[in-house]
């Protein structure tokens, strides 16, 4: 169940374990607390289990948690379908807790109060629902899930169990994005009317999605869901409204079948010398020990071919989004750019606020990001926001602090993200994916029982 893993035997695993959990564990009484972060941690320590020991699981939600939050968290169990990766993950995280290849067995034996889900996207719903039904609060990697039907199952289970779901939208927490939120809350450019948002994945990071399981829609829901859930969540948070209608275009025009040659994976490829995307995974010790050394258990090749004919997701995407409060968004994502970052511009009745954030860059690095605010009939103000330490612009540490250390801390900018936030972000992606295929606009209200609100609840 690792975040980077084949789904060989996974469906059988879920059917024989995830579905049995509710029957095999006596569920805790439904919480009467408001289902959100201020009630998330139960004293004296969080009993914490992790399902999915891929790279994101063992790093951000494994070793970093074990090292930085040992006063607040006890690891009680680790689970993955791949026994080799599971054993390596336990050693890498540095914890002394039982490991399981059977999810229901882990839940029955360890009885966690918090389950962290870092499995393949298309299986998130199975573990989220099973975890809540056994009395667990949930920390889940984005995206919440991959389609509207699974989303509805999660919404129904959360309403039934009253358990908490935290979706790990770390991008919200970075100082630069928080400053944009602050300026919007202060109406620095007047009433917000429209947003231009364009994301560029470079030929290295962008290509990585196409060499992994993310390149198949059945696992990741396309990058409209897997990657853009971050982007759509930022939009929902910044705009402080919910999406109403989406119309989109998308195509696969660079990766996949768009090449004259292909192989199963980079190692042993006869075209290695002529392929610009050739990548030697064995030069990365961690990925080799985590994936290559254990691929015989499940057949997952972490260095898959970016030209595989099985790739069926879009590599260029564009969407128009209309919000209930009238704000219009023009969004795009390109996955084969020579550089990485994004351009964002907020247009208001009194001016324009814009930023060009350079994430992976061929140019000299700066220690700040800049915001440009230009007043109508006025001047331009440049605001520099210093980079913060830690992953994702400093967002990772701030997110984990809030979940594990001080969940009841004041939250003036609304950083904490729950199940509705997770649902609204993926529903934009689901609507965009559907729109590409049908050529028609899609109303968000037609997808689940959630009805978009003019202001974020």
Protein backbone atom coordinates (compact mmCIF):
# COMPACT_ATOMS: atom_id res chain seq x y z
CA UNK A 1 0.00 0.00 0.00
CA UNK A 2 2.91 2.34 -0.24
CA UNK A 3 2.39 5.71 -1.80
CA UNK A 4 4.68 4.52 -4.60
CA UNK A 5 3.68 0.96 -5.34
CA UNK A 6 2.03 -1.39 -7.76
CA UNK A 7 -1.50 -2.47 -7.01
CA UNK A 8 -0.61 -6.09 -7.64
CA UNK A 9 -2.87 -8.02 -5.22
CA UNK A 10 -3.95 -4.76 -3.57
CA UNK A 11 -7.66 -5.15 -4.29
CA UNK A 12 -7.57 -8.63 -2.82
CA UNK A 13 -5.70 -7.23 0.17
CA UNK A 14 -8.37 -4.60 0.74
CA UNK A 15 -11.24 -7.01 0.28
CA UNK A 16 -9.83 -9.49 2.74
CA UNK A 17 -8.59 -7.01 5.32
CA UNK A 18 -10.04 -3.53 5.03
CA UNK A 19 -13.61 -4.76 4.73
CA UNK A 20 -13.19 -7.01 7.75
CA UNK A 21 -11.96 -4.33 10.09
CA UNK A 22 -15.30 -3.03 11.27
CA UNK A 23 -16.44 -6.52 12.17
CA UNK A 24 -13.20 -7.46 13.87
CA UNK A 25 -12.75 -4.41 16.10
CA UNK A 26 -15.19 -3.01 18.60
CA UNK A 27 -15.65 0.56 17.39
CA UNK A 28 -15.37 3.48 19.76
CA UNK A 29 -18.54 5.40 20.50
CA UNK A 30 -19.21 8.12 17.93
CA UNK A 31 -17.67 11.38 19.05
CA UNK A 32 -20.03 14.16 20.08
CA UNK A 33 -17.27 16.72 19.59
CA UNK A 34 -17.26 18.97 16.54
CA UNK A 35 -15.34 16.88 14.01
CA UNK A 36 -12.24 18.99 13.63
CA UNK A 37 -8.73 19.66 14.74
CA UNK A 38 -9.19 21.22 18.16
CA UNK A 39 -10.49 17.83 19.37
CA UNK A 40 -8.02 15.76 17.41
CA UNK A 41 -5.50 14.51 19.97
CA UNK A 42 -6.50 12.51 23.03
CA UNK A 43 -4.21 12.67 26.09
CA UNK A 44 -1.75 11.59 27.11
CA UNK A 45 -0.32 10.54 23.72
CA UNK A 46 -1.71 9.88 20.29
CA UNK A 47 -1.75 6.15 19.47
CA UNK A 48 -0.64 6.42 15.88
CA UNK A 49 -0.66 3.81 13.09
CA UNK A 50 0.57 4.28 9.53
CA UNK A 51 -0.69 2.39 6.47
CA UNK A 52 1.50 2.79 3.39
CA UNK A 53 5.30 2.77 3.75
CA UNK A 54 6.26 4.46 0.49
CA UNK A 55 8.57 7.44 0.35
CA UNK A 56 6.01 9.97 1.64
CA UNK A 57 4.87 7.65 4.40
CA UNK A 58 8.28 6.81 5.83
CA UNK A 59 9.59 10.37 5.57
CA UNK A 60 6.98 13.07 6.25
CA UNK A 61 4.56 10.91 8.25
CA UNK A 62 7.11 8.41 9.54
CA UNK A 63 10.64 9.39 10.49
CA UNK A 64 9.90 13.11 10.82
CA UNK A 65 7.01 12.41 13.19
CA UNK A 66 9.02 9.90 15.21
CA UNK A 67 11.96 12.28 15.60
CA UNK A 68 10.13 15.55 16.20
CA UNK A 69 6.96 14.55 18.07
CA UNK A 70 7.89 11.67 20.35
CA UNK A 71 6.45 13.59 23.31
CA UNK A 72 3.06 13.60 21.62
CA UNK A 73 2.90 10.46 19.49
CA UNK A 74 3.38 6.72 20.06
CA UNK A 75 3.78 4.59 16.95
CA UNK A 76 1.72 1.45 17.57
CA UNK A 77 1.72 -0.14 14.10
CA UNK A 78 2.97 0.02 10.50
CA UNK A 79 1.22 -1.68 7.60
CA UNK A 80 2.03 -2.33 3.95
CA UNK A 81 1.32 -5.09 1.46
CA UNK A 82 5.04 -5.31 0.59
CA UNK A 83 6.85 -7.08 3.46
CA UNK A 84 10.32 -6.00 2.35
CA UNK A 85 9.43 -2.36 2.10
CA UNK A 86 7.60 -2.62 5.42
CA UNK A 87 10.67 -4.00 7.20
CA UNK A 88 12.90 -1.34 5.68
CA UNK A 89 10.37 1.35 6.58
CA UNK A 90 10.33 0.34 10.24
CA UNK A 91 14.11 0.51 10.43
CA UNK A 92 14.25 3.80 8.54
CA UNK A 93 11.58 5.47 10.67
CA UNK A 94 13.37 4.23 13.78
CA UNK A 95 10.45 2.91 15.79
CA UNK A 96 9.88 -0.24 17.78
CA UNK A 97 6.32 -1.21 16.95
CA UNK A 98 4.68 -4.23 15.31
CA UNK A 99 4.45 -4.42 11.53
CA UNK A 100 1.61 -5.95 9.54
CA UNK A 101 0.83 -6.95 5.99
CA UNK A 102 -2.77 -7.50 7.12
CA UNK A 103 -4.58 -4.21 7.80
CA UNK A 104 -7.42 -5.65 9.89
CA UNK A 105 -4.90 -7.49 12.04
CA UNK A 106 -3.05 -4.25 12.73
CA UNK A 107 -6.25 -2.49 13.73
CA UNK A 108 -7.39 -5.38 15.91
CA UNK A 109 -4.09 -5.77 17.74
CA UNK A 110 -2.91 -2.20 18.10
CA UNK A 111 -6.18 -0.24 18.49
CA UNK A 112 -4.82 3.14 17.34
CA UNK A 113 -6.80 6.30 17.93
CA UNK A 114 -5.25 7.94 14.82
CA UNK A 115 -4.63 6.31 11.45
CA UNK A 116 -2.37 7.97 8.89
CA UNK A 117 -3.18 6.96 5.29
CA UNK A 118 -0.37 7.26 2.73
CA UNK A 119 -1.36 4.53 0.28
CA UNK A 120 -2.03 4.74 -3.45
CA UNK A 121 -4.67 7.43 -4.03
CA UNK A 122 -7.35 5.08 -5.35
CA UNK A 123 -7.30 3.12 -2.07
CA UNK A 124 -7.51 6.06 0.35
CA UNK A 125 -11.27 5.68 0.73
CA UNK A 126 -11.01 2.06 1.84
CA UNK A 127 -8.68 2.83 4.72
CA UNK A 128 -10.29 6.15 5.67
CA UNK A 129 -13.73 4.55 5.96
CA UNK A 130 -12.47 1.42 7.72
CA UNK A 131 -10.38 3.50 10.10
CA UNK A 132 -13.27 5.74 11.10
CA UNK A 133 -15.56 2.78 11.57
CA UNK A 134 -13.11 1.32 14.08
CA UNK A 135 -13.00 4.54 16.08
CA UNK A 136 -9.96 6.25 14.53
CA UNK A 137 -9.41 9.84 13.62
CA UNK A 138 -7.75 10.10 10.20
CA UNK A 139 -4.73 11.94 8.85
CA UNK A 140 -4.73 11.38 5.10
CA UNK A 141 -2.37 12.41 2.37
CA UNK A 142 -3.89 14.36 -0.47
CA UNK A 143 -5.93 13.80 -2.51
CA UNK A 144 -8.79 12.72 -0.26
CA UNK A 145 -9.78 10.20 -2.93
CA UNK A 146 -10.04 9.92 -6.72
CA UNK A 147 -13.71 10.09 -7.76
CA UNK A 148 -17.08 11.38 -6.64
CA UNK A 149 -18.43 7.97 -5.60
CA UNK A 150 -15.58 7.26 -3.20
CA UNK A 151 -15.85 10.83 -1.97
CA UNK A 152 -19.52 10.26 -1.11
CA UNK A 153 -18.65 7.09 0.80
CA UNK A 154 -16.14 9.05 2.88
CA UNK A 155 -18.62 11.85 3.53
CA UNK A 156 -21.27 9.35 4.61
CA UNK A 157 -18.87 7.49 6.89
CA UNK A 158 -17.65 10.70 8.50
CA UNK A 159 -21.23 11.84 9.15
CA UNK A 160 -22.06 8.41 10.58
CA UNK A 161 -19.00 8.05 12.82
CA UNK A 162 -18.35 11.71 13.69
CA UNK A 163 -14.62 11.04 13.51
CA UNK A 164 -12.10 13.65 12.45
CA UNK A 165 -10.42 13.74 9.03
CA UNK A 166 -7.41 15.97 8.45
CA UNK A 167 -6.27 16.31 4.83
CA UNK A 168 -2.59 17.22 4.70
CA UNK A 169 -2.65 20.40 2.63
CA UNK A 170 0.83 21.56 3.60
CA UNK A 171 0.96 24.22 0.86
CA UNK A 172 -1.45 26.41 2.85
CA UNK A 173 1.02 26.76 5.70
CA UNK A 174 3.99 28.30 3.90
CA UNK A 175 4.72 31.97 4.81
CA UNK A 176 4.42 33.24 1.23
CA UNK A 177 1.01 31.68 0.60
CA UNK A 178 -0.13 32.79 4.03
CA UNK A 179 0.88 36.36 3.20
CA UNK A 180 -1.25 36.21 0.06
CA UNK A 181 -4.15 35.01 2.20
CA UNK A 182 -3.60 37.85 4.67
CA UNK A 183 -3.63 40.48 1.92
CA UNK A 184 -6.81 39.02 0.44
CA UNK A 185 -8.47 38.97 3.86
CA UNK A 186 -7.52 42.62 4.26
CA UNK A 187 -9.07 43.43 0.85
CA UNK A 188 -5.75 44.94 -0.25
CA UNK A 189 -6.91 44.93 -3.89
CA UNK A 190 -10.57 45.52 -3.12
CA UNK A 191 -13.19 42.90 -3.88
CA UNK A 192 -11.62 39.89 -5.60
CA UNK A 193 -13.11 39.25 -9.05
CA UNK A 194 -10.83 36.77 -10.87
CA UNK A 195 -7.65 34.72 -10.57
CA UNK A 196 -5.04 33.61 -13.12
CA UNK A 197 -3.15 30.52 -11.87
CA UNK A 198 -0.59 28.69 -14.00
CA UNK A 199 1.57 25.84 -12.70
CA UNK A 200 4.70 24.50 -14.41
CA UNK A 201 6.19 21.10 -13.59
CA UNK A 202 9.67 20.67 -15.00
CA UNK A 203 10.95 17.84 -17.16
CA UNK A 204 12.38 16.07 -14.10
CA UNK A 205 9.66 16.40 -11.47
CA UNK A 206 6.90 16.36 -14.08
CA UNK A 207 8.33 13.23 -15.68
CA UNK A 208 8.39 11.47 -12.31
CA UNK A 209 4.59 11.25 -12.28
CA UNK A 210 4.64 9.42 -15.59
CA UNK A 211 7.22 6.84 -14.56
CA UNK A 212 5.21 5.91 -11.43
CA UNK A 213 1.69 4.60 -10.80
CA UNK A 214 0.39 8.17 -11.03
CA UNK A 215 0.49 7.89 -14.82
CA UNK A 216 -2.52 5.56 -14.81
CA UNK A 217 -5.90 7.16 -14.20
CA UNK A 218 -7.21 4.14 -12.29
CA UNK A 219 -4.63 4.73 -9.54
CA UNK A 220 -4.28 8.52 -9.29
CA UNK A 221 -7.36 9.94 -10.97
CA UNK A 222 -5.14 11.98 -13.37
CA UNK A 223 -3.04 14.97 -12.29
CA UNK A 224 -6.23 17.03 -12.25
CA UNK A 225 -6.84 15.12 -9.02
CA UNK A 226 -3.50 13.91 -7.67
CA UNK A 227 -1.37 17.03 -8.21
CA UNK A 228 -3.92 19.78 -8.79
CA UNK A 229 -5.78 18.97 -5.56
CA UNK A 230 -3.07 21.13 -3.94
CA UNK A 231 -3.68 23.95 -6.40
CA UNK A 232 -7.46 23.79 -6.18
CA UNK A 233 -7.33 23.75 -2.40
CA UNK A 234 -5.19 26.88 -2.41
CA UNK A 235 -7.72 28.55 -4.68
CA UNK A 236 -10.65 27.58 -2.46
CA UNK A 237 -8.76 28.82 0.60
CA UNK A 238 -7.55 32.08 -0.96
CA UNK A 239 -10.90 32.90 -2.59
CA UNK A 240 -12.79 31.86 0.57
CA UNK A 241 -15.63 30.41 -1.45
CA UNK A 242 -16.51 27.08 -3.01
CA UNK A 243 -16.49 26.05 -6.68
CA UNK A 244 -19.76 25.99 -8.57
CA UNK A 245 -18.96 24.97 -12.15
CA UNK A 246 -15.92 23.70 -14.09
CA UNK A 247 -15.10 23.48 -17.80
CA UNK A 248 -11.77 21.98 -18.87
CA UNK A 249 -9.46 20.81 -21.62
CA UNK A 250 -6.71 18.23 -21.36
CA UNK A 251 -4.54 16.02 -23.54
CA UNK A 252 -1.57 13.63 -23.54
CA UNK A 253 0.85 15.12 -26.07
CA UNK A 254 4.35 14.60 -24.69
CA UNK A 255 4.66 11.45 -22.54
CA UNK A 256 3.21 7.98 -23.08
CA UNK A 257 2.63 6.95 -26.68
CA UNK A 258 4.22 10.17 -27.99
CA UNK A 259 7.62 8.62 -28.71
CA UNK A 260 9.15 6.20 -31.18
CA UNK A 261 10.64 3.84 -28.58
CA UNK A 262 9.83 2.55 -25.11
CA UNK A 263 10.83 -0.10 -22.57
CA UNK A 264 9.39 -1.41 -19.32
CA UNK A 265 11.74 0.66 -17.12
CA UNK A 266 15.04 2.52 -17.23
CA UNK A 267 17.27 -0.22 -15.85
CA UNK A 268 18.29 -2.43 -18.74
CA UNK A 269 16.68 -0.18 -21.33
CA UNK A 270 18.24 -0.63 -24.79
CA UNK A 271 17.50 3.04 -25.55
CA UNK A 272 19.21 4.45 -22.46
CA UNK A 273 21.88 6.32 -24.43
CA UNK A 274 19.38 8.16 -26.62
CA UNK A 275 16.57 8.81 -24.13
CA UNK A 276 16.73 12.21 -22.46
CA UNK A 277 14.49 10.91 -19.68
CA UNK A 278 16.77 8.01 -18.79
CA UNK A 279 17.11 7.88 -15.00
CA UNK A 280 19.40 5.62 -12.98
CA UNK A 281 17.48 4.96 -9.78
CA UNK A 282 20.43 3.07 -8.32
CA UNK A 283 22.24 6.38 -7.88
CA UNK A 284 19.72 7.16 -5.14
CA UNK A 285 20.48 4.94 -2.15
CA UNK A 286 17.18 5.54 -0.35
CA UNK A 287 15.00 4.78 -3.38
CA UNK A 288 17.10 1.73 -4.15
CA UNK A 289 16.76 0.31 -0.66
CA UNK A 290 13.07 1.17 -0.44
CA UNK A 291 11.90 0.15 -3.91
CA UNK A 292 14.47 -1.69 -6.03
CA UNK A 293 15.47 -4.11 -3.29
CA UNK A 294 11.86 -5.14 -2.71
CA UNK A 295 10.25 -4.97 -6.14
CA UNK A 296 10.24 -8.76 -6.36
CA UNK A 297 7.45 -8.83 -3.76
CA UNK A 298 4.88 -6.96 -5.86
CA UNK A 299 6.42 -6.22 -9.25
CA UNK A 300 6.33 -2.45 -8.85
CA UNK A 301 9.08 -0.75 -10.91
CA UNK A 302 9.76 2.70 -9.47
CA UNK A 303 11.78 3.66 -12.58
CA UNK A 304 9.03 2.90 -15.10
CA UNK A 305 9.21 4.15 -18.67
CA UNK A 306 7.74 7.60 -19.27
CA UNK A 307 6.86 6.46 -22.81
CA UNK A 308 4.75 3.50 -21.63
CA UNK A 309 1.68 2.85 -23.76
CA UNK A 310 -0.27 2.25 -20.53
CA UNK A 311 -0.02 5.93 -19.56
CA UNK A 312 -3.50 7.39 -19.95
CA UNK A 313 -3.51 10.70 -18.04
CA UNK A 314 -3.22 14.25 -19.36
CA UNK A 315 0.17 15.98 -19.48
CA UNK A 316 -1.32 19.39 -20.28
CA UNK A 317 -4.42 20.69 -18.53
CA UNK A 318 -6.51 23.85 -18.46
CA UNK A 319 -9.69 24.64 -16.56
CA UNK A 320 -12.14 27.48 -16.09
CA UNK A 321 -13.67 27.51 -12.61
CA UNK A 322 -16.60 29.62 -11.45
CA UNK A 323 -17.10 30.13 -7.72
CA UNK A 324 -20.38 30.70 -5.91
CA UNK A 325 -19.25 34.21 -4.93
CA UNK A 326 -18.72 35.11 -8.60
CA UNK A 327 -14.93 34.84 -8.74
CA UNK A 328 -13.68 33.30 -12.00
CA UNK A 329 -10.44 31.31 -12.28
CA UNK A 330 -8.27 30.48 -15.28
CA UNK A 331 -6.03 27.52 -14.33
CA UNK A 332 -3.45 25.54 -16.25
CA UNK A 333 -0.76 22.94 -15.55
CA UNK A 334 2.08 21.91 -17.86
CA UNK A 335 4.17 18.85 -16.96
CA UNK A 336 7.21 19.22 -19.25
CA UNK A 337 8.48 22.73 -18.64
CA UNK A 338 12.22 23.61 -18.54
CA UNK A 339 11.68 25.10 -15.07
CA UNK A 340 9.32 24.58 -12.15
CA UNK A 341 7.08 26.97 -10.30
CA UNK A 342 3.89 28.92 -10.70
CA UNK A 343 2.46 32.31 -11.59
CA UNK A 344 -0.54 33.57 -9.69
CA UNK A 345 -2.44 36.82 -10.15
CA UNK A 346 -5.45 38.08 -8.20
CA UNK A 347 -7.55 40.74 -9.90
CA UNK A 348 -9.66 43.01 -7.73
CA UNK A 349 -11.78 46.12 -7.95
CA UNK A 350 -8.91 48.28 -6.63
CA UNK A 351 -5.88 46.60 -8.19
CA UNK A 352 -3.91 43.46 -8.92
CA UNK A 353 -1.71 41.21 -6.77
CA UNK A 354 0.68 38.79 -8.41
CA UNK A 355 3.58 36.45 -7.69
CA UNK A 356 6.04 34.32 -9.66
CA UNK A 357 7.19 31.52 -7.37
CA UNK A 358 10.25 29.59 -8.55
CA UNK A 359 10.39 26.13 -7.02
CA UNK A 360 12.97 24.15 -8.99
CA UNK A 361 15.02 26.56 -10.98
CA UNK A 362 17.93 26.81 -13.41
CA UNK A 363 18.60 30.34 -12.17
CA UNK A 364 20.42 31.48 -9.00
CA UNK A 365 18.34 30.80 -5.88
CA UNK A 366 17.00 33.67 -3.80
CA UNK A 367 16.15 33.50 -0.12
CA UNK A 368 12.73 35.09 -0.53
CA UNK A 369 9.59 35.07 -2.67
CA UNK A 370 8.05 38.30 -3.85
CA UNK A 371 4.51 39.63 -4.08
CA UNK A 372 3.74 42.58 -6.37
CA UNK A 373 0.68 44.67 -5.54
CA UNK A 374 -0.35 47.33 -8.05
CA UNK A 375 -3.13 49.77 -7.24
CA UNK A 376 -5.47 51.06 -9.90
CA UNK A 377 -4.45 54.70 -10.59
CA UNK A 378 -1.64 54.21 -8.07
CA UNK A 379 1.73 52.74 -7.27
CA UNK A 380 3.29 49.29 -7.13
CA UNK A 381 4.34 47.77 -3.83
CA UNK A 382 6.86 44.91 -3.68
CA UNK A 383 6.57 42.62 -0.65
CA UNK A 384 9.36 40.14 0.05
CA UNK A 385 8.58 37.05 2.13
CA UNK A 386 11.61 35.17 3.43
CA UNK A 387 11.85 31.46 2.81
CA UNK A 388 11.19 29.26 5.81
CA UNK A 389 13.07 26.10 6.68
CA UNK A 390 11.55 22.69 6.07
CA UNK A 391 9.75 21.07 3.17
CA UNK A 392 7.20 22.75 0.93
CA UNK A 393 8.28 26.27 1.78
CA UNK A 394 8.13 25.66 5.50
CA UNK A 395 4.61 24.25 5.31
CA UNK A 396 5.46 20.69 6.39
CA UNK A 397 6.68 21.60 9.87
CA UNK A 398 3.83 24.02 10.52
CA UNK A 399 1.27 21.43 9.45
CA UNK A 400 2.74 18.70 11.65
CA UNK A 401 3.04 21.08 14.60
CA UNK A 402 -0.65 21.81 14.35
CA UNK A 403 -1.69 18.16 14.07
CA UNK A 404 0.58 16.64 16.68
CA UNK A 405 1.78 19.38 19.01
CA UNK A 406 -0.91 22.03 19.39
CA UNK A 407 -4.16 21.21 17.56
CA UNK A 408 -6.12 23.77 19.60
CA UNK A 409 -3.83 26.69 18.68
CA UNK A 410 -5.49 29.80 17.19
CA UNK A 411 -5.95 29.52 13.43
CA UNK A 412 -6.61 33.07 12.17
CA UNK A 413 -5.96 32.20 8.52
CA UNK A 414 -7.92 28.95 8.50
CA UNK A 415 -4.93 26.76 7.67
CA UNK A 416 -6.41 23.53 9.05
CA UNK A 417 -8.16 21.45 6.38
CA UNK A 418 -10.91 18.94 7.04
CA UNK A 419 -13.02 16.57 5.02
CA UNK A 420 -15.05 19.29 3.25
CA UNK A 421 -11.86 21.01 2.14
CA UNK A 422 -10.51 17.71 0.86
CA UNK A 423 -13.74 16.97 -0.97
CA UNK A 424 -14.08 20.39 -2.60
CA UNK A 425 -10.51 20.29 -3.91
CA UNK A 426 -10.83 16.85 -5.52
CA UNK A 427 -14.29 17.59 -6.89
CA UNK A 428 -12.83 20.39 -9.01
CA UNK A 429 -10.38 17.84 -10.43
CA UNK A 430 -13.10 15.22 -10.92
CA UNK A 431 -15.30 17.79 -12.65
CA UNK A 432 -12.40 18.90 -14.87
CA UNK A 433 -11.59 15.31 -15.81
CA UNK A 434 -15.24 14.67 -16.67
CA UNK A 435 -15.48 17.90 -18.64
CA UNK A 436 -12.48 16.95 -20.79
CA UNK A 437 -14.12 13.66 -21.66
CA UNK A 438 -17.62 14.99 -22.29
CA UNK A 439 -16.87 18.43 -23.66
CA UNK A 440 -19.46 19.85 -21.28
CA UNK A 441 -19.26 22.03 -18.16
CA UNK A 442 -19.81 20.16 -14.89
CA UNK A 443 -21.68 21.48 -11.88
CA UNK A 444 -20.02 20.60 -8.57
CA UNK A 445 -23.41 20.11 -6.90
CA UNK A 446 -24.15 17.23 -9.30
CA UNK A 447 -21.27 15.11 -7.99
CA UNK A 448 -22.03 14.51 -4.29
CA UNK A 449 -24.49 15.60 -1.62
CA UNK A 450 -22.26 18.60 -0.84
CA UNK A 451 -23.78 21.85 -2.03
CA UNK A 452 -21.21 24.57 -2.70
CA UNK A 453 -21.40 27.56 -0.40
CA UNK A 454 -20.81 31.24 -1.18
CA UNK A 455 -18.39 31.40 1.77
CA UNK A 456 -16.29 28.47 2.93
CA UNK A 457 -18.05 26.96 5.96
